[in-house]
C-alpha atoms as a PDB file:
ATOM      1  CA  UNK A   1     -92.763  91.705 -58.335  1.00  0.00           C
ATOM      2  CA  UNK A   2     -90.322  93.167 -55.822  1.00  0.00           C
ATOM      3  CA  UNK A   3     -92.160  94.804 -52.912  1.00  0.00           C
ATOM      4  CA  UNK A   4     -90.618  97.456 -50.671  1.00  0.00           C
ATOM      5  CA  UNK A   5     -92.734  98.216 -47.594  1.00  0.00           C
ATOM      6  CA  UNK A   6     -92.349 101.491 -45.738  1.00  0.00           C
ATOM      7  CA  UNK A   7     -93.969 102.774 -42.585  1.00  0.00           C
ATOM      8  CA  UNK A   8     -94.104 106.465 -43.427  1.00  0.00           C
ATOM      9  CA  UNK A   9     -92.837 108.421 -46.416  1.00  0.00           C
ATOM     10  CA  UNK A  10     -93.458 111.807 -47.962  1.00  0.00           C
ATOM     11  CA  UNK A  11     -94.412 110.281 -51.328  1.00  0.00           C
ATOM     12  CA  UNK A  12     -94.074 106.734 -52.645  1.00  0.00           C
ATOM     13  CA  UNK A  13     -93.723 108.145 -56.165  1.00  0.00           C
ATOM     14  CA  UNK A  14     -90.827 110.373 -55.087  1.00  0.00           C
ATOM     15  CA  UNK A  15     -89.173 107.531 -53.158  1.00  0.00           C
ATOM     16  CA  UNK A  16     -89.350 105.192 -56.130  1.00  0.00           C
ATOM     17  CA  UNK A  17     -88.146 107.928 -58.483  1.00  0.00           C
ATOM     18  CA  UNK A  18     -85.107 108.542 -56.274  1.00  0.00           C
ATOM     19  CA  UNK A  19     -84.413 104.812 -56.076  1.00  0.00           C
ATOM     20  CA  UNK A  20     -84.482 104.516 -59.860  1.00  0.00           C
ATOM     21  CA  UNK A  21     -81.744 107.151 -60.097  1.00  0.00           C
ATOM     22  CA  UNK A  22     -79.351 105.186 -57.877  1.00  0.00           C
ATOM     23  CA  UNK A  23     -79.911 101.619 -59.051  1.00  0.00           C
ATOM     24  CA  UNK A  24     -81.271  99.568 -61.915  1.00  0.00           C
ATOM     25  CA  UNK A  25     -84.830  98.618 -61.014  1.00  0.00           C
ATOM     26  CA  UNK A  26     -86.693  95.667 -62.430  1.00  0.00           C
ATOM     27  CA  UNK A  27     -90.145  96.162 -63.882  1.00  0.00           C
ATOM     28  CA  UNK A  28     -92.951  95.957 -61.314  1.00  0.00           C
ATOM     29  CA  UNK A  29     -90.790  97.071 -58.420  1.00  0.00           C
ATOM     30  CA  UNK A  30     -93.454  98.253 -55.978  1.00  0.00           C
ATOM     31  CA  UNK A  31     -93.224 100.614 -53.009  1.00  0.00           C
ATOM     32  CA  UNK A  32     -96.047 100.722 -50.476  1.00  0.00           C
ATOM     33  CA  UNK A  33     -96.448 102.853 -47.357  1.00  0.00           C
ATOM     34  CA  UNK A  34     -98.673 102.858 -44.313  1.00  0.00           C
ATOM     35  CA  UNK A  35     -98.630 106.640 -44.227  1.00  0.00           C
ATOM     36  CA  UNK A  36     -97.849 109.243 -46.868  1.00  0.00           C
ATOM     37  CA  UNK A  37     -97.291 112.821 -45.718  1.00  0.00           C
ATOM     38  CA  UNK A  38     -97.068 114.587 -49.062  1.00  0.00           C
ATOM     39  CA  UNK A  39     -99.287 112.580 -51.391  1.00  0.00           C
ATOM     40  CA  UNK A  40    -100.029 114.278 -54.703  1.00  0.00           C
ATOM     41  CA  UNK A  41    -102.715 114.076 -57.323  1.00  0.00           C
ATOM     42  CA  UNK A  42    -102.751 115.456 -60.839  1.00  0.00           C
ATOM     43  CA  UNK A  43    -101.068 118.835 -61.396  1.00  0.00           C
ATOM     44  CA  UNK A  44     -99.921 119.137 -57.778  1.00  0.00           C
ATOM     45  CA  UNK A  45    -103.274 118.639 -56.055  1.00  0.00           C
ATOM     46  CA  UNK A  46    -103.074 117.112 -52.575  1.00  0.00           C
ATOM     47  CA  UNK A  47    -104.009 113.528 -51.765  1.00  0.00           C
ATOM     48  CA  UNK A  48    -104.765 113.145 -48.038  1.00  0.00           C
ATOM     49  CA  UNK A  49    -105.098 109.719 -46.459  1.00  0.00           C
ATOM     50  CA  UNK A  50    -105.602 108.348 -42.957  1.00  0.00           C
ATOM     51  CA  UNK A  51    -102.555 106.419 -41.704  1.00  0.00           C
ATOM     52  CA  UNK A  52    -102.662 102.606 -42.002  1.00  0.00           C
ATOM     53  CA  UNK A  53    -106.194 102.563 -43.400  1.00  0.00           C
ATOM     54  CA  UNK A  54    -105.609 102.832 -47.129  1.00  0.00           C
ATOM     55  CA  UNK A  55    -103.550 101.409 -49.966  1.00  0.00           C
ATOM     56  CA  UNK A  56    -100.690 103.702 -50.973  1.00  0.00           C
ATOM     57  CA  UNK A  57     -98.402 102.282 -53.629  1.00  0.00           C
ATOM     58  CA  UNK A  58     -96.183 103.086 -56.597  1.00  0.00           C
ATOM     59  CA  UNK A  59     -95.095 100.779 -59.409  1.00  0.00           C
ATOM     60  CA  UNK A  60     -91.963 101.181 -61.530  1.00  0.00           C
ATOM     61  CA  UNK A  61     -92.060 100.370 -65.244  1.00  0.00           C
ATOM     62  CA  UNK A  62     -89.500 100.787 -67.998  1.00  0.00           C
ATOM     63  CA  UNK A  63     -90.051 100.533 -71.749  1.00  0.00           C
ATOM     64  CA  UNK A  64     -93.557  99.140 -71.408  1.00  0.00           C
ATOM     65  CA  UNK A  65     -94.725 101.994 -73.611  1.00  0.00           C
ATOM     66  CA  UNK A  66     -92.328 102.434 -76.527  1.00  0.00           C
ATOM     67  CA  UNK A  67     -93.827 105.569 -78.046  1.00  0.00           C
ATOM     68  CA  UNK A  68     -94.620 108.848 -76.233  1.00  0.00           C
ATOM     69  CA  UNK A  69     -97.908 108.969 -78.157  1.00  0.00           C
ATOM     70  CA  UNK A  70     -99.038 105.850 -76.288  1.00  0.00           C
ATOM     71  CA  UNK A  71     -98.423 107.169 -72.786  1.00  0.00           C
ATOM     72  CA  UNK A  72    -102.119 107.539 -71.923  1.00  0.00           C
ATOM     73  CA  UNK A  73    -102.538 103.799 -72.347  1.00  0.00           C
ATOM     74  CA  UNK A  74    -100.798 103.433 -68.984  1.00  0.00           C
ATOM     75  CA  UNK A  75    -103.661 105.375 -67.391  1.00  0.00           C
ATOM     76  CA  UNK A  76    -106.170 103.136 -69.117  1.00  0.00           C
ATOM     77  CA  UNK A  77    -104.444  99.893 -68.137  1.00  0.00           C
ATOM     78  CA  UNK A  78    -104.069 101.033 -64.521  1.00  0.00           C
ATOM     79  CA  UNK A  79    -107.603 102.358 -64.074  1.00  0.00           C
ATOM     80  CA  UNK A  80    -109.043  99.204 -65.602  1.00  0.00           C
ATOM     81  CA  UNK A  81    -106.875  97.019 -63.359  1.00  0.00           C
ATOM     82  CA  UNK A  82    -108.201  98.729 -60.239  1.00  0.00           C
ATOM     83  CA  UNK A  83    -111.831  98.543 -61.382  1.00  0.00           C
ATOM     84  CA  UNK A  84    -111.474  94.896 -62.438  1.00  0.00           C
ATOM     85  CA  UNK A  85    -110.077  93.953 -59.023  1.00  0.00           C
ATOM     86  CA  UNK A  86    -112.634  95.961 -57.044  1.00  0.00           C
ATOM     87  CA  UNK A  87    -115.460  94.295 -58.916  1.00  0.00           C
ATOM     88  CA  UNK A  88    -114.322  90.954 -57.489  1.00  0.00           C
ATOM     89  CA  UNK A  89    -114.861  92.436 -54.004  1.00  0.00           C
ATOM     90  CA  UNK A  90    -118.412  93.471 -54.918  1.00  0.00           C
ATOM     91  CA  UNK A  91    -117.745  97.207 -54.895  1.00  0.00           C
ATOM     92  CA  UNK A  92    -120.785  98.673 -56.629  1.00  0.00           C
ATOM     93  CA  UNK A  93    -121.249 101.299 -59.363  1.00  0.00           C
ATOM     94  CA  UNK A  94    -117.591 101.526 -60.358  1.00  0.00           C
ATOM     95  CA  UNK A  95    -116.397 103.946 -63.013  1.00  0.00           C
ATOM     96  CA  UNK A  96    -113.377 106.017 -64.005  1.00  0.00           C
ATOM     97  CA  UNK A  97    -113.748 109.784 -63.856  1.00  0.00           C
ATOM     98  CA  UNK A  98    -111.442 111.302 -66.435  1.00  0.00           C
ATOM     99  CA  UNK A  99    -108.545 111.459 -66.248  1.00  0.00           C
ATOM    100  CA  UNK A 100    -107.820 109.085 -63.386  1.00  0.00           C
ATOM    101  CA  UNK A 101    -110.241 109.038 -60.462  1.00  0.00           C
ATOM    102  CA  UNK A 102    -111.781 105.746 -59.401  1.00  0.00           C
ATOM    103  CA  UNK A 103    -115.436 106.262 -58.519  1.00  0.00           C
ATOM    104  CA  UNK A 104    -118.143 104.300 -56.748  1.00  0.00           C
ATOM    105  CA  UNK A 105    -121.402 105.988 -57.764  1.00  0.00           C
ATOM    106  CA  UNK A 106    -120.655 109.722 -57.296  1.00  0.00           C
ATOM    107  CA  UNK A 107    -117.905 109.241 -54.729  1.00  0.00           C
ATOM    108  CA  UNK A 108    -114.161 109.120 -55.319  1.00  0.00           C
ATOM    109  CA  UNK A 109    -112.522 106.075 -53.745  1.00  0.00           C
ATOM    110  CA  UNK A 110    -109.166 106.170 -55.500  1.00  0.00           C
ATOM    111  CA  UNK A 111    -106.792 108.063 -57.724  1.00  0.00           C
ATOM    112  CA  UNK A 112    -103.842 107.512 -60.027  1.00  0.00           C
ATOM    113  CA  UNK A 113    -100.771 109.670 -60.670  1.00  0.00           C
ATOM    114  CA  UNK A 114     -98.419 108.541 -63.442  1.00  0.00           C
ATOM    115  CA  UNK A 115     -95.072 110.280 -63.895  1.00  0.00           C
ATOM    116  CA  UNK A 116     -92.996 109.553 -66.981  1.00  0.00           C
ATOM    117  CA  UNK A 117     -89.325 110.133 -67.705  1.00  0.00           C
ATOM    118  CA  UNK A 118     -88.113 110.263 -71.304  1.00  0.00           C
ATOM    119  CA  UNK A 119     -84.480 109.258 -71.695  1.00  0.00           C
ATOM    120  CA  UNK A 120     -81.987 109.264 -74.538  1.00  0.00           C
ATOM    121  CA  UNK A 121     -82.386 106.420 -76.970  1.00  0.00           C
ATOM    122  CA  UNK A 122     -86.159 106.570 -76.744  1.00  0.00           C
ATOM    123  CA  UNK A 123     -86.401 104.829 -73.367  1.00  0.00           C
ATOM    124  CA  UNK A 124     -89.441 105.684 -71.262  1.00  0.00           C
ATOM    125  CA  UNK A 125     -89.612 104.921 -67.558  1.00  0.00           C
ATOM    126  CA  UNK A 126     -92.858 105.362 -65.666  1.00  0.00           C
ATOM    127  CA  UNK A 127     -93.902 105.456 -62.038  1.00  0.00           C
ATOM    128  CA  UNK A 128     -97.551 104.634 -61.443  1.00  0.00           C
ATOM    129  CA  UNK A 129     -98.829 105.975 -58.146  1.00  0.00           C
ATOM    130  CA  UNK A 130    -102.072 104.531 -56.811  1.00  0.00           C
ATOM    131  CA  UNK A 131    -104.031 105.739 -53.811  1.00  0.00           C
ATOM    132  CA  UNK A 132    -107.063 103.668 -52.865  1.00  0.00           C
ATOM    133  CA  UNK A 133    -109.370 104.384 -49.933  1.00  0.00           C
ATOM    134  CA  UNK A 134    -109.765 100.954 -48.377  1.00  0.00           C
ATOM    135  CA  UNK A 135    -110.661 100.890 -44.669  1.00  0.00           C
ATOM    136  CA  UNK A 136    -110.978 104.590 -43.883  1.00  0.00           C
ATOM    137  CA  UNK A 137    -114.523 105.539 -42.870  1.00  0.00           C
ATOM    138  CA  UNK A 138    -114.222 109.184 -41.789  1.00  0.00           C
ATOM    139  CA  UNK A 139    -114.482 111.680 -44.645  1.00  0.00           C
ATOM    140  CA  UNK A 140    -115.956 114.645 -42.780  1.00  0.00           C
ATOM    141  CA  UNK A 141    -113.914 117.214 -44.712  1.00  0.00           C
ATOM    142  CA  UNK A 142    -114.192 115.404 -48.046  1.00  0.00           C
ATOM    143  CA  UNK A 143    -117.883 115.246 -49.023  1.00  0.00           C
ATOM    144  CA  UNK A 144    -117.163 113.636 -52.403  1.00  0.00           C
ATOM    145  CA  UNK A 145    -114.862 110.917 -51.020  1.00  0.00           C
ATOM    146  CA  UNK A 146    -115.652 107.395 -49.872  1.00  0.00           C
ATOM    147  CA  UNK A 147    -113.933 104.035 -49.450  1.00  0.00           C
ATOM    148  CA  UNK A 148    -114.319 100.340 -50.075  1.00  0.00           C
ATOM    149  CA  UNK A 149    -115.222  99.881 -46.415  1.00  0.00           C
ATOM    150  CA  UNK A 150    -118.028 102.433 -46.581  1.00  0.00           C
ATOM    151  CA  UNK A 151    -119.395 101.131 -49.878  1.00  0.00           C
ATOM    152  CA  UNK A 152    -119.305  97.440 -48.945  1.00  0.00           C
ATOM    153  CA  UNK A 153    -119.608  97.660 -45.141  1.00  0.00           C
ATOM    154  CA  UNK A 154    -116.580  95.392 -44.735  1.00  0.00           C
ATOM    155  CA  UNK A 155    -112.887  95.427 -43.857  1.00  0.00           C
ATOM    156  CA  UNK A 156    -110.368  94.544 -46.551  1.00  0.00           C
ATOM    157  CA  UNK A 157    -106.821  93.181 -46.690  1.00  0.00           C
ATOM    158  CA  UNK A 158    -104.626  95.872 -48.248  1.00  0.00           C
ATOM    159  CA  UNK A 159    -101.767  93.519 -49.142  1.00  0.00           C
ATOM    160  CA  UNK A 160    -104.127  91.210 -50.974  1.00  0.00           C
ATOM    161  CA  UNK A 161    -105.461  94.177 -52.938  1.00  0.00           C
ATOM    162  CA  UNK A 162    -101.939  95.287 -53.825  1.00  0.00           C
ATOM    163  CA  UNK A 163    -100.960  91.890 -55.215  1.00  0.00           C
ATOM    164  CA  UNK A 164    -104.179  91.516 -57.182  1.00  0.00           C
ATOM    165  CA  UNK A 165    -103.919  95.011 -58.694  1.00  0.00           C
ATOM    166  CA  UNK A 166    -100.308  94.463 -59.790  1.00  0.00           C
ATOM    167  CA  UNK A 167    -101.161  91.084 -61.332  1.00  0.00           C
ATOM    168  CA  UNK A 168    -104.122  92.557 -63.209  1.00  0.00           C
ATOM    169  CA  UNK A 169    -101.991  95.498 -64.307  1.00  0.00           C
ATOM    170  CA  UNK A 170     -99.459  93.065 -65.788  1.00  0.00           C
ATOM    171  CA  UNK A 171    -102.230  91.413 -67.810  1.00  0.00           C
ATOM    172  CA  UNK A 172    -103.616  94.726 -69.010  1.00  0.00           C
ATOM    173  CA  UNK A 173    -100.211  96.028 -70.074  1.00  0.00           C
ATOM    174  CA  UNK A 174     -99.754  93.029 -72.330  1.00  0.00           C
ATOM    175  CA  UNK A 175    -102.846  94.197 -74.209  1.00  0.00           C
ATOM    176  CA  UNK A 176    -101.187  97.533 -75.010  1.00  0.00           C
ATOM    177  CA  UNK A 177     -99.248  95.704 -77.704  1.00  0.00           C
ATOM    178  CA  UNK A 178    -101.578  92.808 -78.509  1.00  0.00           C
ATOM    179  CA  UNK A 179    -105.099  94.194 -78.168  1.00  0.00           C
ATOM    180  CA  UNK A 180    -105.065  97.921 -77.452  1.00  0.00           C
ATOM    181  CA  UNK A 181    -108.455  98.473 -79.102  1.00  0.00           C
ATOM    182  CA  UNK A 182    -110.116  96.169 -76.584  1.00  0.00           C
ATOM    183  CA  UNK A 183    -108.345  98.019 -73.779  1.00  0.00           C
ATOM    184  CA  UNK A 184    -109.711 101.337 -75.040  1.00  0.00           C
ATOM    185  CA  UNK A 185    -113.216  99.918 -75.504  1.00  0.00           C
ATOM    186  CA  UNK A 186    -113.301  98.589 -71.945  1.00  0.00           C
ATOM    187  CA  UNK A 187    -112.055 101.917 -70.587  1.00  0.00           C
ATOM    188  CA  UNK A 188    -114.600 104.002 -72.489  1.00  0.00           C
ATOM    189  CA  UNK A 189    -117.352 101.645 -71.351  1.00  0.00           C
ATOM    190  CA  UNK A 190    -116.757 102.581 -67.699  1.00  0.00           C
ATOM    191  CA  UNK A 191    -116.071 106.291 -68.219  1.00  0.00           C
ATOM    192  CA  UNK A 192    -117.874 108.341 -65.555  1.00  0.00           C
ATOM    193  CA  UNK A 193    -120.967 110.161 -66.905  1.00  0.00           C
ATOM    194  CA  UNK A 194    -120.218 109.248 -70.517  1.00  0.00           C
ATOM    195  CA  UNK A 195    -123.170 110.116 -72.747  1.00  0.00           C
ATOM    196  CA  UNK A 196    -124.923 112.120 -70.021  1.00  0.00           C
ATOM    197  CA  UNK A 197    -125.531 115.894 -70.385  1.00  0.00           C
ATOM    198  CA  UNK A 198    -123.447 117.505 -67.656  1.00  0.00           C
ATOM    199  CA  UNK A 199    -122.410 121.019 -66.635  1.00  0.00           C
ATOM    200  CA  UNK A 200    -118.729 121.864 -67.097  1.00  0.00           C
ATOM    201  CA  UNK A 201    -116.596 124.890 -66.342  1.00  0.00           C
ATOM    202  CA  UNK A 202    -113.604 126.311 -68.206  1.00  0.00           C
ATOM    203  CA  UNK A 203    -112.003 129.099 -66.172  1.00  0.00           C
ATOM    204  CA  UNK A 204    -115.092 131.044 -65.054  1.00  0.00           C
ATOM    205  CA  UNK A 205    -117.374 130.043 -67.909  1.00  0.00           C
ATOM    206  CA  UNK A 206    -119.973 127.306 -67.327  1.00  0.00           C
ATOM    207  CA  UNK A 207    -121.576 125.324 -70.144  1.00  0.00           C
ATOM    208  CA  UNK A 208    -123.335 122.044 -70.879  1.00  0.00           C
ATOM    209  CA  UNK A 209    -121.613 119.175 -72.627  1.00  0.00           C
ATOM    210  CA  UNK A 210    -121.711 115.436 -73.162  1.00  0.00           C
ATOM    211  CA  UNK A 211    -118.639 113.248 -72.731  1.00  0.00           C
ATOM    212  CA  UNK A 212    -118.234 111.173 -75.877  1.00  0.00           C
ATOM    213  CA  UNK A 213    -114.775 109.750 -75.290  1.00  0.00           C
ATOM    214  CA  UNK A 214    -111.083 110.367 -74.729  1.00  0.00           C
ATOM    215  CA  UNK A 215    -108.530 111.061 -77.457  1.00  0.00           C
ATOM    216  CA  UNK A 216    -105.384 108.984 -77.999  1.00  0.00           C
ATOM    217  CA  UNK A 217    -103.470 111.814 -76.340  1.00  0.00           C
ATOM    218  CA  UNK A 218    -105.680 111.543 -73.256  1.00  0.00           C
ATOM    219  CA  UNK A 219    -107.831 114.618 -73.842  1.00  0.00           C
ATOM    220  CA  UNK A 220    -111.500 114.613 -72.863  1.00  0.00           C
ATOM    221  CA  UNK A 221    -113.824 114.873 -75.860  1.00  0.00           C
ATOM    222  CA  UNK A 222    -117.068 116.786 -75.305  1.00  0.00           C
ATOM    223  CA  UNK A 223    -120.078 117.259 -77.566  1.00  0.00           C
ATOM    224  CA  UNK A 224    -121.219 120.848 -77.086  1.00  0.00           C
ATOM    225  CA  UNK A 225    -124.676 122.396 -77.355  1.00  0.00           C
ATOM    226  CA  UNK A 226    -123.991 123.680 -80.877  1.00  0.00           C
ATOM    227  CA  UNK A 227    -123.195 120.086 -81.984  1.00  0.00           C
ATOM    228  CA  UNK A 228    -119.468 120.845 -82.257  1.00  0.00           C
ATOM    229  CA  UNK A 229    -116.794 118.826 -80.477  1.00  0.00           C
ATOM    230  CA  UNK A 230    -114.099 120.156 -78.163  1.00  0.00           C
ATOM    231  CA  UNK A 231    -111.068 118.505 -76.561  1.00  0.00           C
ATOM    232  CA  UNK A 232    -109.681 119.464 -73.168  1.00  0.00           C
ATOM    233  CA  UNK A 233    -106.451 118.530 -71.446  1.00  0.00           C
ATOM    234  CA  UNK A 234    -105.937 117.785 -67.766  1.00  0.00           C
ATOM    235  CA  UNK A 235    -107.006 120.684 -65.530  1.00  0.00           C
ATOM    236  CA  UNK A 236    -108.371 122.659 -68.492  1.00  0.00           C
ATOM    237  CA  UNK A 237    -111.974 121.739 -67.728  1.00  0.00           C
ATOM    238  CA  UNK A 238    -113.913 120.935 -64.563  1.00  0.00           C
ATOM    239  CA  UNK A 239    -116.979 118.724 -64.398  1.00  0.00           C
ATOM    240  CA  UNK A 240    -119.646 120.087 -62.053  1.00  0.00           C
ATOM    241  CA  UNK A 241    -121.371 117.101 -60.478  1.00  0.00           C
END
């Protein structure tokens, strides 16, 4: 692992993407920042974080996934890596809210943004952005957000977390090729609200559904009230919880 530490940056994902265009990066090149001014979530949503309190990092990968159809496995491997590490710090009630929010009970404590570039010759390079609320305790304007510090009433070492997450991610990525079924099973086991009747909204229409799983393409699979199944892509459906 090569680690590049920055004080402040607009986006660690954008920084790492720019770096990859000017030089050949080795796998697991990591950029971390104390402050990120233009953090992003899925589909352009904003990720705000208090300076120096949280873990902000991006990881570069190339040709780990060899087929575009397997891209969502990066989400699975990353989300599992974060949950597996946080469990060792006794963070309670961990789950993954589709597609990529890390939850403790009903509160979001982290998020993942993966950006992929498809190049000629079938090469796929990926930048995995991870934002994890670690030592921040003030979430006055974010009623559904929390942090490791709030959940566990403790202060954590961000650099230790970074190293442990990257090491666990390495292990999980090996399973993409050797034991992907186990990877999927572990992911589905910790899927937020799986099997629980929940209200959802598509555009302005609300309805009840039950999460039964996630498709290979990364779409959320819902069992509807008429016993039919429906699949939804990112930002196509909102869970009301």
